[in-house]
N, C-alpha and C. Protein backbone atom coordinates (compact mmCIF):
# COMPACT_ATOMS: atom_id res chain seq x y z
N UNK A 1 94.70 110.46 142.18
CA UNK A 1 93.63 111.34 141.76
C UNK A 1 92.74 111.62 142.97
N UNK A 2 92.37 112.85 143.17
CA UNK A 2 91.63 113.17 144.38
C UNK A 2 90.16 112.76 144.26
N UNK A 3 89.57 112.45 145.42
CA UNK A 3 88.20 111.93 145.47
C UNK A 3 87.17 112.93 144.97
N UNK A 4 87.45 114.22 145.12
CA UNK A 4 86.50 115.23 144.64
C UNK A 4 86.28 115.09 143.13
N UNK A 5 87.35 114.83 142.42
CA UNK A 5 87.25 114.65 140.97
C UNK A 5 86.45 113.40 140.64
N UNK A 6 86.68 112.35 141.38
CA UNK A 6 86.00 111.08 141.11
C UNK A 6 84.49 111.18 141.35
N UNK A 7 84.09 112.10 142.21
CA UNK A 7 82.67 112.24 142.53
C UNK A 7 81.92 113.17 141.57
N UNK A 8 82.66 113.83 140.69
CA UNK A 8 82.02 114.72 139.73
C UNK A 8 81.25 113.93 138.68
N UNK A 9 80.16 114.51 138.21
CA UNK A 9 79.40 113.92 137.12
C UNK A 9 80.13 114.20 135.81
N UNK A 10 79.81 113.41 134.80
CA UNK A 10 80.47 113.56 133.50
C UNK A 10 80.38 114.99 132.98
N UNK A 11 79.19 115.59 133.04
CA UNK A 11 79.01 116.94 132.51
C UNK A 11 79.86 117.96 133.27
N UNK A 12 80.03 117.74 134.57
CA UNK A 12 80.87 118.65 135.36
C UNK A 12 82.34 118.52 134.95
N UNK A 13 82.77 117.30 134.68
CA UNK A 13 84.15 117.07 134.24
C UNK A 13 84.38 117.73 132.88
N UNK A 14 83.41 117.56 131.99
CA UNK A 14 83.53 118.15 130.65
C UNK A 14 83.59 119.68 130.75
N UNK A 15 82.80 120.25 131.64
CA UNK A 15 82.84 121.70 131.84
C UNK A 15 84.22 122.14 132.32
N UNK A 16 84.80 121.38 133.23
CA UNK A 16 86.14 121.71 133.72
C UNK A 16 87.18 121.62 132.60
N UNK A 17 87.05 120.59 131.76
CA UNK A 17 87.98 120.45 130.64
C UNK A 17 87.86 121.67 129.72
N UNK A 18 86.64 122.07 129.44
CA UNK A 18 86.41 123.20 128.53
C UNK A 18 86.85 124.53 129.15
N UNK A 19 86.47 124.74 130.41
CA UNK A 19 86.75 126.03 131.06
C UNK A 19 88.22 126.21 131.41
N UNK A 20 88.86 125.14 131.83
CA UNK A 20 90.24 125.26 132.28
C UNK A 20 91.24 124.82 131.21
N UNK A 21 90.72 124.35 130.08
CA UNK A 21 91.58 123.88 128.99
C UNK A 21 92.65 122.93 129.50
N UNK A 22 92.21 122.02 130.35
CA UNK A 22 93.15 121.09 130.97
C UNK A 22 92.75 119.66 130.66
N UNK A 23 93.73 118.87 130.29
CA UNK A 23 93.46 117.47 129.97
C UNK A 23 93.50 116.58 131.21
N UNK A 24 93.91 117.12 132.35
CA UNK A 24 94.02 116.28 133.55
C UNK A 24 92.66 115.70 133.96
N UNK A 25 91.59 116.39 133.63
CA UNK A 25 90.25 115.90 133.97
C UNK A 25 89.81 114.76 133.05
N UNK A 26 90.38 114.74 131.88
CA UNK A 26 90.01 113.68 130.92
C UNK A 26 90.37 112.31 131.47
N UNK A 27 91.39 112.26 132.30
CA UNK A 27 91.81 111.00 132.91
C UNK A 27 90.67 110.37 133.73
N UNK A 28 89.84 111.21 134.34
CA UNK A 28 88.69 110.71 135.11
C UNK A 28 87.72 109.99 134.18
N UNK A 29 87.41 110.62 133.05
CA UNK A 29 86.50 110.00 132.08
C UNK A 29 87.12 108.72 131.52
N UNK A 30 88.39 108.78 131.23
CA UNK A 30 89.10 107.61 130.70
C UNK A 30 89.01 106.45 131.68
N UNK A 31 89.34 106.71 132.93
CA UNK A 31 89.30 105.64 133.94
C UNK A 31 87.88 105.13 134.19
N UNK A 32 86.92 106.02 134.07
CA UNK A 32 85.53 105.67 134.31
C UNK A 32 84.97 104.76 133.20
N UNK A 33 85.41 104.96 131.96
CA UNK A 33 84.78 104.29 130.82
C UNK A 33 85.68 103.34 130.04
N UNK A 34 86.96 103.32 130.32
CA UNK A 34 87.87 102.52 129.49
C UNK A 34 87.45 101.05 129.39
N UNK A 35 87.14 100.43 130.50
CA UNK A 35 86.82 98.98 130.45
C UNK A 35 85.55 98.72 129.64
N UNK A 36 84.57 99.61 129.72
CA UNK A 36 83.34 99.42 128.94
C UNK A 36 83.61 99.58 127.45
N UNK A 37 84.41 100.58 127.11
CA UNK A 37 84.76 100.79 125.70
C UNK A 37 85.57 99.60 125.19
N UNK A 38 86.50 99.13 125.99
CA UNK A 38 87.32 97.97 125.61
C UNK A 38 86.43 96.76 125.37
N UNK A 39 85.46 96.53 126.26
CA UNK A 39 84.54 95.39 126.09
C UNK A 39 83.74 95.51 124.80
N UNK A 40 83.28 96.71 124.49
CA UNK A 40 82.50 96.90 123.26
C UNK A 40 83.39 96.65 122.03
N UNK A 41 84.62 97.12 122.07
CA UNK A 41 85.55 96.87 120.96
C UNK A 41 85.83 95.37 120.84
N UNK A 42 86.04 94.72 121.95
CA UNK A 42 86.34 93.28 121.93
C UNK A 42 85.17 92.49 121.36
N UNK A 43 83.95 92.93 121.64
CA UNK A 43 82.78 92.21 121.13
C UNK A 43 82.75 92.21 119.60
N UNK A 44 83.44 93.16 118.97
CA UNK A 44 83.50 93.21 117.51
C UNK A 44 84.68 92.42 116.94
N UNK A 45 85.84 92.56 117.55
CA UNK A 45 87.05 92.03 116.91
C UNK A 45 87.55 90.71 117.50
N UNK A 46 87.12 90.37 118.70
CA UNK A 46 87.49 89.10 119.36
C UNK A 46 89.00 88.93 119.49
N UNK A 47 89.71 90.03 119.58
CA UNK A 47 91.16 90.01 119.81
C UNK A 47 91.45 91.08 120.86
N UNK A 48 92.04 90.66 121.96
CA UNK A 48 92.32 91.59 123.05
C UNK A 48 93.25 92.72 122.57
N UNK A 49 94.28 92.34 121.83
CA UNK A 49 95.27 93.33 121.38
C UNK A 49 94.63 94.37 120.45
N UNK A 50 93.86 93.91 119.49
CA UNK A 50 93.21 94.85 118.55
C UNK A 50 92.16 95.68 119.30
N UNK A 51 91.43 95.04 120.22
CA UNK A 51 90.42 95.77 121.00
C UNK A 51 91.08 96.89 121.81
N UNK A 52 92.25 96.60 122.38
CA UNK A 52 92.97 97.63 123.15
C UNK A 52 93.38 98.79 122.24
N UNK A 53 93.86 98.46 121.05
CA UNK A 53 94.23 99.51 120.08
C UNK A 53 93.02 100.34 119.69
N UNK A 54 91.90 99.66 119.42
CA UNK A 54 90.68 100.39 119.04
C UNK A 54 90.20 101.27 120.18
N UNK A 55 90.24 100.76 121.41
CA UNK A 55 89.79 101.54 122.57
C UNK A 55 90.66 102.79 122.73
N UNK A 56 91.96 102.64 122.56
CA UNK A 56 92.86 103.80 122.65
C UNK A 56 92.53 104.81 121.54
N UNK A 57 92.26 104.30 120.34
CA UNK A 57 91.88 105.18 119.23
C UNK A 57 90.59 105.94 119.55
N UNK A 58 89.63 105.23 120.15
CA UNK A 58 88.35 105.85 120.51
C UNK A 58 88.60 107.01 121.48
N UNK A 59 89.41 106.76 122.51
CA UNK A 59 89.64 107.83 123.48
C UNK A 59 90.44 108.99 122.88
N UNK A 60 91.29 108.71 121.93
CA UNK A 60 91.98 109.80 121.23
C UNK A 60 90.97 110.65 120.46
N UNK A 61 90.06 109.97 119.75
CA UNK A 61 89.02 110.69 119.00
C UNK A 61 88.14 111.51 119.94
N UNK A 62 87.75 110.89 121.05
CA UNK A 62 86.86 111.57 122.00
C UNK A 62 87.56 112.80 122.57
N UNK A 63 88.83 112.67 122.90
CA UNK A 63 89.58 113.81 123.43
C UNK A 63 89.63 114.94 122.39
N UNK A 64 89.87 114.57 121.14
CA UNK A 64 89.95 115.57 120.07
C UNK A 64 88.60 116.24 119.81
N UNK A 65 87.51 115.47 119.94
CA UNK A 65 86.18 115.97 119.59
C UNK A 65 85.39 116.49 120.79
N UNK A 66 85.97 116.41 121.98
CA UNK A 66 85.23 116.75 123.19
C UNK A 66 84.69 118.17 123.17
N UNK A 67 85.42 119.09 122.58
CA UNK A 67 84.95 120.47 122.53
C UNK A 67 83.76 120.64 121.59
N UNK A 68 83.56 119.69 120.67
CA UNK A 68 82.41 119.77 119.76
C UNK A 68 81.21 118.97 120.28
N UNK A 69 81.40 118.25 121.38
CA UNK A 69 80.30 117.47 121.97
C UNK A 69 79.23 118.45 122.45
N UNK A 70 78.01 118.30 121.92
CA UNK A 70 76.93 119.26 122.17
C UNK A 70 76.07 118.93 123.38
N UNK A 71 76.32 117.80 124.01
CA UNK A 71 75.59 117.37 125.21
C UNK A 71 74.09 117.21 124.95
N UNK A 72 73.74 116.77 123.73
CA UNK A 72 72.34 116.49 123.41
C UNK A 72 71.92 115.14 123.99
N UNK A 73 72.89 114.30 124.27
CA UNK A 73 72.65 113.03 124.94
C UNK A 73 73.69 112.91 126.04
N UNK A 74 73.60 111.88 126.84
CA UNK A 74 74.57 111.71 127.91
C UNK A 74 75.96 111.47 127.31
N UNK A 75 76.98 111.80 128.08
CA UNK A 75 78.34 111.58 127.60
C UNK A 75 78.56 110.11 127.27
N UNK A 76 78.04 109.21 128.11
CA UNK A 76 78.25 107.78 127.87
C UNK A 76 77.61 107.36 126.55
N UNK A 77 76.43 107.87 126.23
CA UNK A 77 75.79 107.54 124.95
C UNK A 77 76.63 108.05 123.79
N UNK A 78 77.12 109.27 123.91
CA UNK A 78 77.97 109.84 122.87
C UNK A 78 79.26 109.03 122.72
N UNK A 79 79.87 108.68 123.84
CA UNK A 79 81.10 107.88 123.82
C UNK A 79 80.86 106.53 123.16
N UNK A 80 79.74 105.88 123.50
CA UNK A 80 79.45 104.57 122.90
C UNK A 80 79.17 104.70 121.41
N UNK A 81 78.56 105.82 121.00
CA UNK A 81 78.34 106.06 119.57
C UNK A 81 79.67 106.17 118.84
N UNK A 82 80.59 106.91 119.43
CA UNK A 82 81.93 107.03 118.83
C UNK A 82 82.58 105.65 118.77
N UNK A 83 82.42 104.88 119.83
CA UNK A 83 83.01 103.54 119.90
C UNK A 83 82.44 102.64 118.81
N UNK A 84 81.12 102.59 118.71
CA UNK A 84 80.48 101.74 117.70
C UNK A 84 80.90 102.15 116.30
N UNK A 85 80.89 103.46 116.04
CA UNK A 85 81.28 103.94 114.71
C UNK A 85 82.71 103.55 114.39
N UNK A 86 83.58 103.71 115.35
CA UNK A 86 84.99 103.38 115.12
C UNK A 86 85.14 101.89 114.82
N UNK A 87 84.46 101.06 115.59
CA UNK A 87 84.54 99.60 115.37
C UNK A 87 83.91 99.20 114.03
N UNK A 88 82.79 99.80 113.70
CA UNK A 88 82.14 99.50 112.42
C UNK A 88 83.05 99.92 111.27
N UNK A 89 83.64 101.10 111.38
CA UNK A 89 84.55 101.56 110.33
C UNK A 89 85.74 100.61 110.20
N UNK A 90 86.26 100.16 111.32
CA UNK A 90 87.37 99.21 111.31
C UNK A 90 86.96 97.91 110.61
N UNK A 91 85.78 97.39 110.97
CA UNK A 91 85.31 96.13 110.38
C UNK A 91 85.00 96.30 108.89
N UNK A 92 84.43 97.43 108.52
CA UNK A 92 84.16 97.69 107.10
C UNK A 92 85.45 97.67 106.30
N UNK A 93 86.45 98.36 106.82
CA UNK A 93 87.72 98.44 106.11
C UNK A 93 88.41 97.07 106.07
N UNK A 94 88.39 96.37 107.18
CA UNK A 94 89.08 95.09 107.27
C UNK A 94 88.41 94.04 106.38
N UNK A 95 87.10 94.00 106.45
CA UNK A 95 86.36 92.96 105.72
C UNK A 95 85.75 93.46 104.42
N UNK A 96 85.97 94.73 104.11
CA UNK A 96 85.39 95.32 102.90
C UNK A 96 83.87 95.14 102.89
N UNK A 97 83.23 95.48 104.01
CA UNK A 97 81.79 95.31 104.15
C UNK A 97 81.06 96.64 104.04
N UNK A 98 80.36 96.82 102.98
CA UNK A 98 79.50 97.99 102.83
C UNK A 98 78.08 97.50 103.07
N UNK A 99 77.41 98.02 104.08
CA UNK A 99 76.13 97.44 104.52
C UNK A 99 75.09 97.29 103.40
N UNK A 100 74.80 98.33 102.60
CA UNK A 100 73.77 98.12 101.55
C UNK A 100 74.11 96.97 100.59
N UNK A 101 75.38 96.87 100.20
CA UNK A 101 75.77 95.76 99.32
C UNK A 101 75.64 94.42 100.04
N UNK A 102 76.13 94.38 101.27
CA UNK A 102 76.08 93.15 102.06
C UNK A 102 74.63 92.70 102.26
N UNK A 103 73.75 93.65 102.52
CA UNK A 103 72.34 93.32 102.76
C UNK A 103 71.70 92.72 101.52
N UNK A 104 72.03 93.26 100.35
CA UNK A 104 71.49 92.71 99.10
C UNK A 104 71.97 91.29 98.86
N UNK A 105 73.23 91.04 99.19
CA UNK A 105 73.81 89.71 99.00
C UNK A 105 73.32 88.70 100.04
N UNK A 106 72.79 89.18 101.15
CA UNK A 106 72.32 88.32 102.23
C UNK A 106 70.83 88.53 102.47
N UNK A 107 70.10 88.48 101.38
CA UNK A 107 68.66 88.72 101.41
C UNK A 107 67.97 87.73 102.34
N UNK A 108 67.02 88.23 103.08
CA UNK A 108 66.25 87.38 103.99
C UNK A 108 65.05 86.80 103.26
N UNK A 109 64.72 85.53 103.54
CA UNK A 109 63.46 85.00 103.00
C UNK A 109 62.30 85.64 103.78
N UNK A 110 61.09 85.30 103.40
CA UNK A 110 59.94 85.84 104.14
C UNK A 110 60.11 85.57 105.62
N UNK A 111 59.81 86.56 106.41
CA UNK A 111 60.02 86.45 107.85
C UNK A 111 58.92 85.60 108.48
N UNK A 112 59.36 84.79 109.41
CA UNK A 112 58.45 83.89 110.11
C UNK A 112 57.54 84.67 111.06
N UNK A 113 56.34 84.16 111.29
CA UNK A 113 55.37 84.87 112.12
C UNK A 113 55.36 84.44 113.58
N UNK A 114 55.93 83.28 113.89
CA UNK A 114 55.86 82.77 115.27
C UNK A 114 57.04 83.25 116.11
N UNK A 115 57.30 84.57 116.07
CA UNK A 115 58.48 85.11 116.74
C UNK A 115 58.39 85.00 118.25
N UNK A 116 57.20 85.16 118.83
CA UNK A 116 57.08 85.07 120.29
C UNK A 116 57.53 83.70 120.79
N UNK A 117 57.15 82.66 120.08
CA UNK A 117 57.53 81.31 120.45
C UNK A 117 59.05 81.14 120.36
N UNK A 118 59.65 81.68 119.32
CA UNK A 118 61.11 81.57 119.13
C UNK A 118 61.85 82.34 120.21
N UNK A 119 61.39 83.55 120.52
CA UNK A 119 62.05 84.39 121.52
C UNK A 119 62.11 83.68 122.86
N UNK A 120 61.06 82.95 123.21
CA UNK A 120 61.05 82.21 124.48
C UNK A 120 62.09 81.11 124.51
N UNK A 121 62.49 80.59 123.36
CA UNK A 121 63.45 79.50 123.29
C UNK A 121 64.89 79.96 123.16
N UNK A 122 65.14 81.24 123.04
CA UNK A 122 66.49 81.73 122.78
C UNK A 122 67.40 81.51 123.99
N UNK A 123 68.56 80.95 123.70
CA UNK A 123 69.60 80.71 124.68
C UNK A 123 70.67 81.78 124.48
N UNK A 124 71.14 82.38 125.55
CA UNK A 124 72.07 83.50 125.47
C UNK A 124 73.36 83.12 124.74
N UNK A 125 73.95 81.99 125.08
CA UNK A 125 75.20 81.58 124.43
C UNK A 125 75.01 81.36 122.94
N UNK A 126 73.89 80.78 122.56
CA UNK A 126 73.59 80.57 121.14
C UNK A 126 73.37 81.91 120.44
N UNK A 127 72.74 82.83 121.14
CA UNK A 127 72.50 84.16 120.57
C UNK A 127 73.84 84.86 120.27
N UNK A 128 74.82 84.70 121.15
CA UNK A 128 76.14 85.30 120.92
C UNK A 128 76.77 84.74 119.64
N UNK A 129 76.56 83.46 119.38
CA UNK A 129 77.07 82.84 118.15
C UNK A 129 76.42 83.49 116.94
N UNK A 130 75.12 83.67 117.00
CA UNK A 130 74.37 84.26 115.88
C UNK A 130 74.81 85.71 115.65
N UNK A 131 75.07 86.46 116.71
CA UNK A 131 75.49 87.85 116.55
C UNK A 131 76.81 87.97 115.78
N UNK A 132 77.61 86.92 115.82
CA UNK A 132 78.87 86.94 115.06
C UNK A 132 78.64 86.67 113.57
N UNK A 133 77.45 86.19 113.21
CA UNK A 133 77.15 85.86 111.82
C UNK A 133 76.54 87.02 111.04
N UNK A 134 76.09 88.04 111.75
CA UNK A 134 75.43 89.15 111.07
C UNK A 134 76.44 90.27 110.79
N UNK A 135 76.03 91.23 110.00
CA UNK A 135 76.88 92.36 109.66
C UNK A 135 77.22 93.16 110.92
N UNK A 136 78.44 93.68 111.03
CA UNK A 136 78.82 94.46 112.22
C UNK A 136 77.89 95.64 112.49
N UNK A 137 77.36 96.24 111.45
CA UNK A 137 76.46 97.37 111.65
C UNK A 137 75.15 96.91 112.29
N UNK A 138 74.65 95.74 111.86
CA UNK A 138 73.43 95.20 112.48
C UNK A 138 73.70 94.81 113.93
N UNK A 139 74.86 94.23 114.17
CA UNK A 139 75.22 93.86 115.54
C UNK A 139 75.29 95.11 116.42
N UNK A 140 75.95 96.14 115.90
CA UNK A 140 76.07 97.39 116.65
C UNK A 140 74.69 97.98 116.94
N UNK A 141 73.83 97.95 115.94
CA UNK A 141 72.49 98.48 116.10
C UNK A 141 71.74 97.76 117.22
N UNK A 142 71.81 96.44 117.22
CA UNK A 142 71.14 95.65 118.26
C UNK A 142 71.73 95.92 119.64
N UNK A 143 73.04 96.02 119.71
CA UNK A 143 73.68 96.29 121.00
C UNK A 143 73.35 97.70 121.50
N UNK A 144 73.32 98.68 120.59
CA UNK A 144 72.96 100.04 121.00
C UNK A 144 71.55 100.08 121.55
N UNK A 145 70.64 99.37 120.89
CA UNK A 145 69.24 99.40 121.30
C UNK A 145 69.00 98.60 122.58
N UNK A 146 69.49 97.37 122.62
CA UNK A 146 69.11 96.47 123.72
C UNK A 146 70.12 96.37 124.85
N UNK A 147 71.36 96.72 124.59
CA UNK A 147 72.36 96.69 125.65
C UNK A 147 72.56 98.08 126.24
N UNK A 148 72.67 99.09 125.36
CA UNK A 148 72.95 100.44 125.82
C UNK A 148 71.70 101.30 125.95
N UNK A 149 70.56 100.78 125.49
CA UNK A 149 69.27 101.45 125.61
C UNK A 149 69.26 102.85 124.99
N UNK A 150 69.91 102.97 123.82
CA UNK A 150 69.90 104.25 123.11
C UNK A 150 68.58 104.41 122.37
N UNK A 151 68.17 105.65 122.18
CA UNK A 151 66.95 105.92 121.42
C UNK A 151 67.24 105.71 119.94
N UNK A 152 66.18 105.59 119.15
CA UNK A 152 66.36 105.42 117.70
C UNK A 152 67.04 106.65 117.10
N UNK A 153 66.74 107.82 117.65
CA UNK A 153 67.38 109.04 117.17
C UNK A 153 68.89 108.97 117.43
N UNK A 154 69.27 108.57 118.65
CA UNK A 154 70.69 108.46 118.99
C UNK A 154 71.39 107.41 118.12
N UNK A 155 70.70 106.32 117.85
CA UNK A 155 71.26 105.27 117.01
C UNK A 155 71.46 105.79 115.59
N UNK A 156 70.48 106.50 115.07
CA UNK A 156 70.60 107.08 113.74
C UNK A 156 71.80 108.01 113.65
N UNK A 157 71.96 108.87 114.64
CA UNK A 157 73.09 109.79 114.67
C UNK A 157 74.40 108.99 114.74
N UNK A 158 74.43 107.99 115.58
CA UNK A 158 75.65 107.19 115.75
C UNK A 158 76.05 106.49 114.46
N UNK A 159 75.07 105.98 113.73
CA UNK A 159 75.37 105.24 112.51
C UNK A 159 75.36 106.12 111.26
N UNK A 160 75.13 107.42 111.48
CA UNK A 160 75.12 108.38 110.38
C UNK A 160 74.03 108.06 109.35
N UNK A 161 72.86 107.69 109.86
CA UNK A 161 71.69 107.41 109.01
C UNK A 161 70.49 108.10 109.63
N UNK A 162 69.39 108.18 108.89
CA UNK A 162 68.19 108.82 109.44
C UNK A 162 67.57 107.91 110.50
N UNK A 163 66.73 108.50 111.31
CA UNK A 163 66.02 107.74 112.34
C UNK A 163 65.15 106.65 111.70
N UNK A 164 64.48 106.99 110.59
CA UNK A 164 63.65 106.00 109.89
C UNK A 164 64.50 104.84 109.36
N UNK A 165 65.66 105.17 108.81
CA UNK A 165 66.56 104.12 108.33
C UNK A 165 67.03 103.24 109.49
N UNK A 166 67.29 103.86 110.63
CA UNK A 166 67.71 103.09 111.81
C UNK A 166 66.60 102.13 112.24
N UNK A 167 65.35 102.61 112.22
CA UNK A 167 64.22 101.74 112.57
C UNK A 167 64.10 100.56 111.60
N UNK A 168 64.23 100.86 110.33
CA UNK A 168 64.13 99.81 109.32
C UNK A 168 65.26 98.79 109.49
N UNK A 169 66.47 99.28 109.71
CA UNK A 169 67.62 98.37 109.87
C UNK A 169 67.51 97.56 111.16
N UNK A 170 66.97 98.17 112.21
CA UNK A 170 66.78 97.43 113.46
C UNK A 170 65.79 96.28 113.24
N UNK A 171 64.70 96.58 112.55
CA UNK A 171 63.70 95.55 112.25
C UNK A 171 64.34 94.42 111.43
N UNK A 172 65.13 94.79 110.44
CA UNK A 172 65.80 93.80 109.59
C UNK A 172 66.82 93.00 110.40
N UNK A 173 67.54 93.67 111.29
CA UNK A 173 68.55 92.98 112.11
C UNK A 173 67.89 91.97 113.04
N UNK A 174 66.78 92.36 113.67
CA UNK A 174 66.05 91.42 114.54
C UNK A 174 65.55 90.24 113.74
N UNK A 175 65.01 90.52 112.56
CA UNK A 175 64.49 89.45 111.70
C UNK A 175 65.62 88.50 111.29
N UNK A 176 66.78 89.07 110.95
CA UNK A 176 67.91 88.23 110.53
C UNK A 176 68.37 87.34 111.69
N UNK A 177 68.45 87.91 112.88
CA UNK A 177 68.87 87.13 114.05
C UNK A 177 67.88 86.00 114.31
N UNK A 178 66.60 86.32 114.27
CA UNK A 178 65.59 85.28 114.50
C UNK A 178 65.65 84.20 113.43
N UNK A 179 65.80 84.63 112.19
CA UNK A 179 65.88 83.66 111.09
C UNK A 179 67.10 82.75 111.25
N UNK A 180 68.26 83.35 111.47
CA UNK A 180 69.49 82.54 111.61
C UNK A 180 69.42 81.65 112.85
N UNK A 181 68.86 82.18 113.92
CA UNK A 181 68.73 81.40 115.15
C UNK A 181 67.83 80.19 114.90
N UNK A 182 66.72 80.44 114.23
CA UNK A 182 65.78 79.36 113.92
C UNK A 182 66.44 78.29 113.05
N UNK A 183 67.16 78.73 112.04
CA UNK A 183 67.82 77.78 111.12
C UNK A 183 68.87 76.96 111.85
N UNK A 184 69.63 77.59 112.72
CA UNK A 184 70.76 76.91 113.35
C UNK A 184 70.35 76.09 114.58
N UNK A 185 69.41 76.59 115.39
CA UNK A 185 69.15 75.97 116.68
C UNK A 185 67.77 75.36 116.86
N UNK A 186 66.80 75.81 116.07
CA UNK A 186 65.45 75.30 116.29
C UNK A 186 65.07 74.29 115.21
N UNK A 187 65.27 74.66 113.96
CA UNK A 187 64.93 73.75 112.87
C UNK A 187 66.14 72.96 112.38
N UNK A 188 67.34 73.45 112.78
CA UNK A 188 68.61 72.94 112.30
C UNK A 188 68.85 71.50 112.51
């Protein structure tokens, strides 16, 4: 692949794909983002083989939908939204997890007020354990916000919910993580 292509920005590559109706440019995007998409898929399924299948599915979807991409956010944000949605859909189907039902069945007790003190005590490895205990949609929401730095609007679009619903679910997800962390590692 020539260096000129590698130096192009995502939007320039997308323009070339659209204008020249050529898939050869898509390879640049694929090579640029495949490992990140694979890592995000792996964080959900914990199986390299399934993560590779999901990542390939994501890139197939992205290739098919690229002409409908409106460029309202960066390509990477849009790609990660597609990735999260695909993984959440996979987990929902596999585990039969519908978030509103799951949330009702996993009701949180009153939320603790000493969150600043708890946050200072959080250990990264322990936090990873707790993230595996929450609903995949809550995990995705937290990763979109704190790992990928997406806006609440982008998160809402990614999860196919309103921005207000995304804010409410983010608050609930943080509370659930703090509660579970406290139960398992601080008071446990």
